[in-house]
Amino acid sequence: MLINKIGLIGGMGPESTLDYYRKIIHAFNGECNGLYYPEIIIYGADINELMAFVLAERWEDLSDWLLNKIVSLHHAGAEFAAIASNTPHYVFDDIQSKSPVPLLSIVETTCIRAQQMGFQNIGLMGTMLTMETGFYKTRFVGKGMNVIVPSKEERELIHRKLFAEIELGIIKDSTRQELLSIVDRMVAEHDIDALILGCTELPLILPENGCGIHFLNTTAIHCERIVEYCLGK
């Protein structure tokens, strides 16, 4: 059986990296019979360093920082790699052009899934960078889909909750209800037919479906693609 060694840049944040590992193992187990599991090499990056680059808008430095980690994964034996976080995908195209191994994009993979499911008017939640820049919207619009983000006040609330609570493993029902209220408003005012959980921590607090629409769990979608590639599909 062909099994390509997986390289994973994690740590951004640690809670979602744990979720990635579990999902990859479970998905792999569903694809194979017996005790077949992939070799996974994880580079646990420092989320504080990531956010320092983002806040200072030092995109070239962010790209180099991530690329160095991919090179380390390659030297450790990884045959392809993925970044277990949405926010760093802002510089994905630049990293991909320089990477010594193939990279699997969470944005492109999610876009393909949304297109396959026939969604047209899609909401997006994530960090400020993910919601306020075009790296998600560009991909989706290019495939004939519309992407809508929450209001400025709602974006600030989502970002604050992500870093003050969810990234730290603090899951509050009150925060879940606040996030679902935002989705309710977007359904009522913008008629969205799906929601991109564009931060890999969001699936830790939000259900698979809610407010009468489908939630696109970017972590789960990315992990499924990682397993497919691992198996040479």
C-alpha atoms as a PDB file:
ATOM      1  CA  MET A   1       0.000   0.000   0.000  1.00  0.00           C
ATOM      2  CA  LEU A   2       1.311   3.453  -0.959  1.00  0.00           C
ATOM      3  CA  ILE A   3       1.414   5.692   2.103  1.00  0.00           C
ATOM      4  CA  ASN A   4       2.999   9.131   1.737  1.00  0.00           C
ATOM      5  CA  LYS A   5       4.474  10.558   4.930  1.00  0.00           C
ATOM      6  CA  ILE A   6       2.464  13.521   6.210  1.00  0.00           C
ATOM      7  CA  GLY A   7       4.073  16.772   7.308  1.00  0.00           C
ATOM      8  CA  LEU A   8       1.875  19.050   9.410  1.00  0.00           C
ATOM      9  CA  ILE A   9       2.567  22.555  10.676  1.00  0.00           C
ATOM     10  CA  GLY A  10       0.518  22.800  13.859  1.00  0.00           C
ATOM     11  CA  GLY A  11       0.439  24.840  17.024  1.00  0.00           C
ATOM     12  CA  MET A  12      -1.725  27.628  15.558  1.00  0.00           C
ATOM     13  CA  GLY A  13      -3.337  26.807  17.872  1.00  0.00           C
ATOM     14  CA  PRO A  14      -2.588  23.640  19.826  1.00  0.00           C
ATOM     15  CA  GLU A  15      -6.255  22.677  20.387  1.00  0.00           C
ATOM     16  CA  SER A  16      -6.995  22.465  16.671  1.00  0.00           C
ATOM     17  CA  THR A  17      -3.731  20.569  16.075  1.00  0.00           C
ATOM     18  CA  LEU A  18      -5.003  17.876  18.440  1.00  0.00           C
ATOM     19  CA  ASP A  19      -8.237  17.852  16.442  1.00  0.00           C
ATOM     20  CA  TYR A  20      -6.270  17.434  13.196  1.00  0.00           C
ATOM     21  CA  TYR A  21      -4.375  14.432  14.569  1.00  0.00           C
ATOM     22  CA  ARG A  22      -7.564  12.736  15.759  1.00  0.00           C
ATOM     23  CA  LYS A  23      -9.397  13.383  12.501  1.00  0.00           C
ATOM     24  CA  ILE A  24      -6.519  12.150  10.330  1.00  0.00           C
ATOM     25  CA  ILE A  25      -6.239   8.935  12.332  1.00  0.00           C
ATOM     26  CA  HIS A  26     -10.013   8.341  12.287  1.00  0.00           C
ATOM     27  CA  ALA A  27     -10.297   9.101   8.560  1.00  0.00           C
ATOM     28  CA  PHE A  28      -7.344   6.838   7.787  1.00  0.00           C
ATOM     29  CA  ASN A  29      -8.894   4.050   9.824  1.00  0.00           C
ATOM     30  CA  GLY A  30     -12.081   4.443   7.784  1.00  0.00           C
ATOM     31  CA  GLU A  31     -10.156   4.107   4.524  1.00  0.00           C
ATOM     32  CA  CYS A  32      -8.081   1.064   5.485  1.00  0.00           C
ATOM     33  CA  ASN A  33      -8.641  -2.291   7.114  1.00  0.00           C
ATOM     34  CA  GLY A  34      -6.424  -3.490   9.922  1.00  0.00           C
ATOM     35  CA  LEU A  35      -3.772  -1.577  11.821  1.00  0.00           C
ATOM     36  CA  TYR A  36      -2.669   0.724   9.011  1.00  0.00           C
ATOM     37  CA  TYR A  37      -1.844   4.235  10.128  1.00  0.00           C
ATOM     38  CA  PRO A  38       0.104   7.040   8.481  1.00  0.00           C
ATOM     39  CA  GLU A  39       3.433   8.440   9.576  1.00  0.00           C
ATOM     40  CA  ILE A  40       2.779  12.012  10.694  1.00  0.00           C
ATOM     41  CA  ILE A  41       5.544  14.522  11.362  1.00  0.00           C
ATOM     42  CA  ILE A  42       4.202  17.545  13.255  1.00  0.00           C
ATOM     43  CA  TYR A  43       6.034  20.844  13.624  1.00  0.00           C
ATOM     44  CA  GLY A  44       4.412  22.672  16.539  1.00  0.00           C
ATOM     45  CA  ALA A  45       4.841  26.359  15.680  1.00  0.00           C
ATOM     46  CA  ASP A  46       4.428  29.257  18.135  1.00  0.00           C
ATOM     47  CA  ILE A  47       1.107  31.049  17.579  1.00  0.00           C
ATOM     48  CA  ASN A  48       2.514  34.181  19.257  1.00  0.00           C
ATOM     49  CA  GLU A  49       5.177  34.440  16.563  1.00  0.00           C
ATOM     50  CA  LEU A  50       2.531  33.961  13.877  1.00  0.00           C
ATOM     51  CA  MET A  51       0.337  36.738  15.267  1.00  0.00           C
ATOM     52  CA  ALA A  52       3.308  39.092  15.671  1.00  0.00           C
ATOM     53  CA  PHE A  53       3.965  38.814  11.927  1.00  0.00           C
ATOM     54  CA  VAL A  54       0.264  39.255  11.139  1.00  0.00           C
ATOM     55  CA  LEU A  55      -0.236  42.291  13.382  1.00  0.00           C
ATOM     56  CA  ALA A  56       2.869  43.962  11.936  1.00  0.00           C
ATOM     57  CA  GLU A  57       1.834  42.952   8.384  1.00  0.00           C
ATOM     58  CA  ARG A  58       5.271  41.425   7.832  1.00  0.00           C
ATOM     59  CA  TRP A  59       4.093  39.078   5.103  1.00  0.00           C
ATOM     60  CA  GLU A  60       7.492  38.242   3.620  1.00  0.00           C
ATOM     61  CA  ASP A  61       8.792  37.346   7.082  1.00  0.00           C
ATOM     62  CA  LEU A  62       5.677  35.233   7.733  1.00  0.00           C
ATOM     63  CA  SER A  63       6.213  33.396   4.460  1.00  0.00           C
ATOM     64  CA  ASP A  64       9.890  32.728   5.257  1.00  0.00           C
ATOM     65  CA  TRP A  65       8.988  31.616   8.798  1.00  0.00           C
ATOM     66  CA  LEU A  66       6.495  29.055   7.504  1.00  0.00           C
ATOM     67  CA  LEU A  67       8.728  27.937   4.646  1.00  0.00           C
ATOM     68  CA  ASN A  68      11.551  27.162   7.093  1.00  0.00           C
ATOM     69  CA  LYS A  69       9.209  24.850   8.961  1.00  0.00           C
ATOM     70  CA  ILE A  70       8.147  23.106   5.765  1.00  0.00           C
ATOM     71  CA  VAL A  71      11.813  22.590   4.871  1.00  0.00           C
ATOM     72  CA  SER A  72      12.345  21.075   8.331  1.00  0.00           C
ATOM     73  CA  LEU A  73       9.431  18.706   7.768  1.00  0.00           C
ATOM     74  CA  HIS A  74      10.902  17.738   4.396  1.00  0.00           C
ATOM     75  CA  HIS A  75      14.294  17.024   5.982  1.00  0.00           C
ATOM     76  CA  ALA A  76      12.520  14.892   8.595  1.00  0.00           C
ATOM     77  CA  GLY A  77      11.028  12.764   5.815  1.00  0.00           C
ATOM     78  CA  ALA A  78       7.661  14.354   5.007  1.00  0.00           C
ATOM     79  CA  GLU A  79       6.618  13.776   1.395  1.00  0.00           C
ATOM     80  CA  PHE A  80       3.917  16.459   1.404  1.00  0.00           C
ATOM     81  CA  ALA A  81       2.687  19.007   3.924  1.00  0.00           C
ATOM     82  CA  ALA A  82      -0.297  20.969   5.170  1.00  0.00           C
ATOM     83  CA  ILE A  83      -0.714  23.980   7.453  1.00  0.00           C
ATOM     84  CA  ALA A  84      -3.251  23.222  10.193  1.00  0.00           C
ATOM     85  CA  SER A  85      -4.586  26.772  10.337  1.00  0.00           C
ATOM     86  CA  ASN A  86      -6.528  29.081   8.039  1.00  0.00           C
ATOM     87  CA  THR A  87      -4.857  32.421   8.820  1.00  0.00           C
ATOM     88  CA  PRO A  88      -1.363  31.530   7.464  1.00  0.00           C
ATOM     89  CA  HIS A  89      -2.949  30.674   4.115  1.00  0.00           C
ATOM     90  CA  TYR A  90      -2.845  34.407   3.408  1.00  0.00           C
ATOM     91  CA  VAL A  91       0.712  33.719   2.145  1.00  0.00           C
ATOM     92  CA  PHE A  92       0.033  30.188   0.864  1.00  0.00           C
ATOM     93  CA  ASP A  93       0.660  30.926  -2.811  1.00  0.00           C
ATOM     94  CA  ASP A  94       4.103  32.354  -2.087  1.00  0.00           C
ATOM     95  CA  ILE A  95       5.043  29.413   0.148  1.00  0.00           C
ATOM     96  CA  GLN A  96       3.751  26.877  -2.366  1.00  0.00           C
ATOM     97  CA  SER A  97       5.933  28.331  -5.110  1.00  0.00           C
ATOM     98  CA  LYS A  98       9.045  27.749  -2.967  1.00  0.00           C
ATOM     99  CA  SER A  99       8.157  24.570  -1.091  1.00  0.00           C
ATOM    100  CA  PRO A 100      10.341  21.461  -1.562  1.00  0.00           C
ATOM    101  CA  VAL A 101       7.230  19.257  -1.159  1.00  0.00           C
ATOM    102  CA  PRO A 102       3.611  19.486  -2.385  1.00  0.00           C
ATOM    103  CA  LEU A 103       1.322  21.542  -0.119  1.00  0.00           C
ATOM    104  CA  LEU A 104      -2.401  20.990   0.399  1.00  0.00           C
ATOM    105  CA  SER A 105      -4.405  24.207   0.769  1.00  0.00           C
ATOM    106  CA  ILE A 106      -7.265  24.342   3.264  1.00  0.00           C
ATOM    107  CA  VAL A 107      -8.849  27.155   1.226  1.00  0.00           C
ATOM    108  CA  GLU A 108      -8.733  25.366  -2.126  1.00  0.00           C
ATOM    109  CA  THR A 109      -9.951  22.101  -0.595  1.00  0.00           C
ATOM    110  CA  THR A 110     -12.882  23.844   1.095  1.00  0.00           C
ATOM    111  CA  CYS A 111     -13.724  25.709  -2.105  1.00  0.00           C
ATOM    112  CA  ILE A 112     -13.893  22.430  -4.042  1.00  0.00           C
ATOM    113  CA  ARG A 113     -16.174  20.918  -1.410  1.00  0.00           C
ATOM    114  CA  ALA A 114     -18.518  23.941  -1.415  1.00  0.00           C
ATOM    115  CA  GLN A 115     -18.713  23.821  -5.208  1.00  0.00           C
ATOM    116  CA  GLN A 116     -19.474  20.094  -5.161  1.00  0.00           C
ATOM    117  CA  MET A 117     -22.296  20.687  -2.671  1.00  0.00           C
ATOM    118  CA  GLY A 118     -23.815  23.420  -4.834  1.00  0.00           C
ATOM    119  CA  PHE A 119     -23.562  26.341  -2.413  1.00  0.00           C
ATOM    120  CA  GLN A 120     -23.795  29.827  -3.870  1.00  0.00           C
ATOM    121  CA  ASN A 121     -24.052  32.389  -1.059  1.00  0.00           C
ATOM    122  CA  ILE A 122     -21.636  31.505   1.722  1.00  0.00           C
ATOM    123  CA  GLY A 123     -20.854  33.146   5.044  1.00  0.00           C
ATOM    124  CA  LEU A 124     -17.311  33.241   6.432  1.00  0.00           C
ATOM    125  CA  MET A 125     -16.131  33.299  10.047  1.00  0.00           C
ATOM    126  CA  GLY A 126     -12.506  33.318  11.174  1.00  0.00           C
ATOM    127  CA  THR A 127      -9.785  35.612  12.443  1.00  0.00           C
ATOM    128  CA  MET A 128      -9.755  39.268  11.405  1.00  0.00           C
ATOM    129  CA  LEU A 129      -7.199  38.537   8.683  1.00  0.00           C
ATOM    130  CA  THR A 130      -9.289  35.703   7.275  1.00  0.00           C
ATOM    131  CA  MET A 131     -12.514  37.723   7.282  1.00  0.00           C
ATOM    132  CA  GLU A 132     -11.119  41.074   6.124  1.00  0.00           C
ATOM    133  CA  THR A 133      -8.703  40.053   3.353  1.00  0.00           C
ATOM    134  CA  GLY A 134      -9.471  38.367   0.059  1.00  0.00           C
ATOM    135  CA  PHE A 135      -7.605  35.066   0.191  1.00  0.00           C
ATOM    136  CA  TYR A 136     -10.829  33.130   0.779  1.00  0.00           C
ATOM    137  CA  LYS A 137     -13.151  35.325  -1.246  1.00  0.00           C
ATOM    138  CA  THR A 138     -10.910  35.337  -4.338  1.00  0.00           C
ATOM    139  CA  ARG A 139     -10.927  31.531  -4.589  1.00  0.00           C
ATOM    140  CA  PHE A 140     -14.677  31.230  -4.112  1.00  0.00           C
ATOM    141  CA  VAL A 141     -15.669  34.111  -6.389  1.00  0.00           C
ATOM    142  CA  GLY A 142     -13.431  32.584  -9.054  1.00  0.00           C
ATOM    143  CA  LYS A 143     -15.638  29.481  -8.881  1.00  0.00           C
ATOM    144  CA  GLY A 144     -18.891  31.444  -9.125  1.00  0.00           C
ATOM    145  CA  MET A 145     -19.702  31.611  -5.403  1.00  0.00           C
ATOM    146  CA  ASN A 146     -20.322  34.671  -3.228  1.00  0.00           C
ATOM    147  CA  VAL A 147     -18.676  35.108   0.187  1.00  0.00           C
ATOM    148  CA  ILE A 148     -20.192  37.296   2.909  1.00  0.00           C
ATOM    149  CA  VAL A 149     -18.526  38.238   6.205  1.00  0.00           C
ATOM    150  CA  PRO A 150     -20.132  39.448   9.451  1.00  0.00           C
ATOM    151  CA  SER A 151     -20.390  43.151  10.353  1.00  0.00           C
ATOM    152  CA  LYS A 152     -17.379  45.019  11.747  1.00  0.00           C
ATOM    153  CA  GLU A 153     -18.636  44.705  15.331  1.00  0.00           C
ATOM    154  CA  GLU A 154     -19.336  41.007  14.838  1.00  0.00           C
ATOM    155  CA  ARG A 155     -15.893  40.429  13.306  1.00  0.00           C
ATOM    156  CA  GLU A 156     -14.294  42.057  16.346  1.00  0.00           C
ATOM    157  CA  LEU A 157     -16.328  39.863  18.699  1.00  0.00           C
ATOM    158  CA  ILE A 158     -15.432  36.656  16.801  1.00  0.00           C
ATOM    159  CA  HIS A 159     -11.721  37.529  16.761  1.00  0.00           C
ATOM    160  CA  ARG A 160     -11.726  38.417  20.460  1.00  0.00           C
ATOM    161  CA  LYS A 161     -13.494  35.205  21.453  1.00  0.00           C
ATOM    162  CA  LEU A 162     -11.114  33.123  19.360  1.00  0.00           C
ATOM    163  CA  PHE A 163      -7.978  34.417  21.073  1.00  0.00           C
ATOM    164  CA  ALA A 164      -9.303  35.065  24.591  1.00  0.00           C
ATOM    165  CA  GLU A 165     -11.179  31.780  24.897  1.00  0.00           C
ATOM    166  CA  ILE A 166     -11.319  29.167  22.149  1.00  0.00           C
ATOM    167  CA  GLU A 167      -7.590  29.124  21.266  1.00  0.00           C
ATOM    168  CA  LEU A 168      -6.975  28.481  24.978  1.00  0.00           C
ATOM    169  CA  GLY A 169      -9.391  25.556  25.077  1.00  0.00           C
ATOM    170  CA  ILE A 170     -12.057  27.583  26.903  1.00  0.00           C
ATOM    171  CA  ILE A 171     -15.445  26.617  25.464  1.00  0.00           C
ATOM    172  CA  LYS A 172     -18.416  28.595  26.763  1.00  0.00           C
ATOM    173  CA  ASP A 173     -22.039  27.980  25.873  1.00  0.00           C
ATOM    174  CA  SER A 174     -22.638  31.751  26.044  1.00  0.00           C
ATOM    175  CA  THR A 175     -19.987  32.286  23.342  1.00  0.00           C
ATOM    176  CA  ARG A 176     -21.515  29.528  21.214  1.00  0.00           C
ATOM    177  CA  GLN A 177     -24.878  31.275  21.395  1.00  0.00           C
ATOM    178  CA  GLU A 178     -23.302  34.623  20.446  1.00  0.00           C
ATOM    179  CA  LEU A 179     -21.710  33.052  17.383  1.00  0.00           C
ATOM    180  CA  LEU A 180     -24.933  31.315  16.379  1.00  0.00           C
ATOM    181  CA  SER A 181     -26.806  34.616  16.744  1.00  0.00           C
ATOM    182  CA  ILE A 182     -24.424  36.131  14.197  1.00  0.00           C
ATOM    183  CA  VAL A 183     -25.149  33.243  11.828  1.00  0.00           C
ATOM    184  CA  ASP A 184     -28.895  33.739  12.356  1.00  0.00           C
ATOM    185  CA  ARG A 185     -28.576  37.388  11.335  1.00  0.00           C
ATOM    186  CA  MET A 186     -26.528  36.518   8.250  1.00  0.00           C
ATOM    187  CA  VAL A 187     -29.143  33.961   7.205  1.00  0.00           C
ATOM    188  CA  ALA A 188     -31.959  36.480   7.713  1.00  0.00           C
ATOM    189  CA  GLU A 189     -30.259  39.479   6.082  1.00  0.00           C
ATOM    190  CA  HIS A 190     -28.031  37.890   3.423  1.00  0.00           C
ATOM    191  CA  ASP A 191     -29.737  34.538   2.801  1.00  0.00           C
ATOM    192  CA  ILE A 192     -26.501  32.588   3.159  1.00  0.00           C
ATOM    193  CA  ASP A 193     -26.872  28.877   2.370  1.00  0.00           C
ATOM    194  CA  ALA A 194     -23.677  27.713   4.132  1.00  0.00           C
ATOM    195  CA  LEU A 195     -21.047  28.968   6.573  1.00  0.00           C
ATOM    196  CA  ILE A 196     -17.287  28.484   6.286  1.00  0.00           C
ATOM    197  CA  LEU A 197     -15.763  27.783   9.694  1.00  0.00           C
ATOM    198  CA  GLY A 198     -12.645  29.605   8.536  1.00  0.00           C
ATOM    199  CA  CYS A 199     -10.668  29.111  11.719  1.00  0.00           C
ATOM    200  CA  THR A 200      -9.673  25.613  12.756  1.00  0.00           C
ATOM    201  CA  GLU A 201     -10.790  26.369  16.332  1.00  0.00           C
ATOM    202  CA  LEU A 202     -14.382  27.189  15.345  1.00  0.00           C
ATOM    203  CA  PRO A 203     -15.407  23.517  14.857  1.00  0.00           C
ATOM    204  CA  LEU A 204     -14.466  23.010  18.518  1.00  0.00           C
ATOM    205  CA  ILE A 205     -17.344  25.244  19.612  1.00  0.00           C
ATOM    206  CA  LEU A 206     -19.894  25.219  16.769  1.00  0.00           C
ATOM    207  CA  PRO A 207     -22.035  22.228  15.717  1.00  0.00           C
ATOM    208  CA  GLU A 208     -21.794  20.560  12.314  1.00  0.00           C
ATOM    209  CA  ASN A 209     -25.015  22.240  11.224  1.00  0.00           C
ATOM    210  CA  GLY A 210     -26.956  25.127  12.665  1.00  0.00           C
ATOM    211  CA  CYS A 211     -29.415  27.904  11.921  1.00  0.00           C
ATOM    212  CA  GLY A 212     -30.883  25.813   9.098  1.00  0.00           C
ATOM    213  CA  ILE A 213     -27.699  25.841   6.978  1.00  0.00           C
ATOM    214  CA  HIS A 214     -24.610  23.650   6.483  1.00  0.00           C
ATOM    215  CA  PHE A 215     -21.370  24.535   8.269  1.00  0.00           C
ATOM    216  CA  LEU A 216     -18.246  23.844   6.210  1.00  0.00           C
ATOM    217  CA  ASN A 217     -15.809  22.436   8.775  1.00  0.00           C
ATOM    218  CA  THR A 218     -12.475  23.394   7.215  1.00  0.00           C
ATOM    219  CA  THR A 219     -10.544  21.136   9.600  1.00  0.00           C
ATOM    220  CA  ALA A 220     -12.527  18.020   8.677  1.00  0.00           C
ATOM    221  CA  ILE A 221     -12.442  18.815   4.951  1.00  0.00           C
ATOM    222  CA  HIS A 222      -8.684  19.433   5.041  1.00  0.00           C
ATOM    223  CA  CYS A 223      -8.033  16.225   7.003  1.00  0.00           C
ATOM    224  CA  GLU A 224     -10.022  14.149   4.523  1.00  0.00           C
ATOM    225  CA  ARG A 225      -7.904  15.543   1.682  1.00  0.00           C
ATOM    226  CA  ILE A 226      -4.690  14.908   3.630  1.00  0.00           C
ATOM    227  CA  VAL A 227      -5.657  11.254   4.051  1.00  0.00           C
ATOM    228  CA  GLU A 228      -6.569  10.936   0.354  1.00  0.00           C
ATOM    229  CA  TYR A 229      -3.195  12.349  -0.679  1.00  0.00           C
ATOM    230  CA  CYS A 230      -1.423  10.180   1.866  1.00  0.00           C
ATOM    231  CA  LEU A 231      -2.973   7.147   0.176  1.00  0.00           C
ATOM    232  CA  GLY A 232      -1.992   8.364  -3.281  1.00  0.00           C
ATOM    233  CA  LYS A 233      -5.513   9.382  -4.366  1.00  0.00           C
END
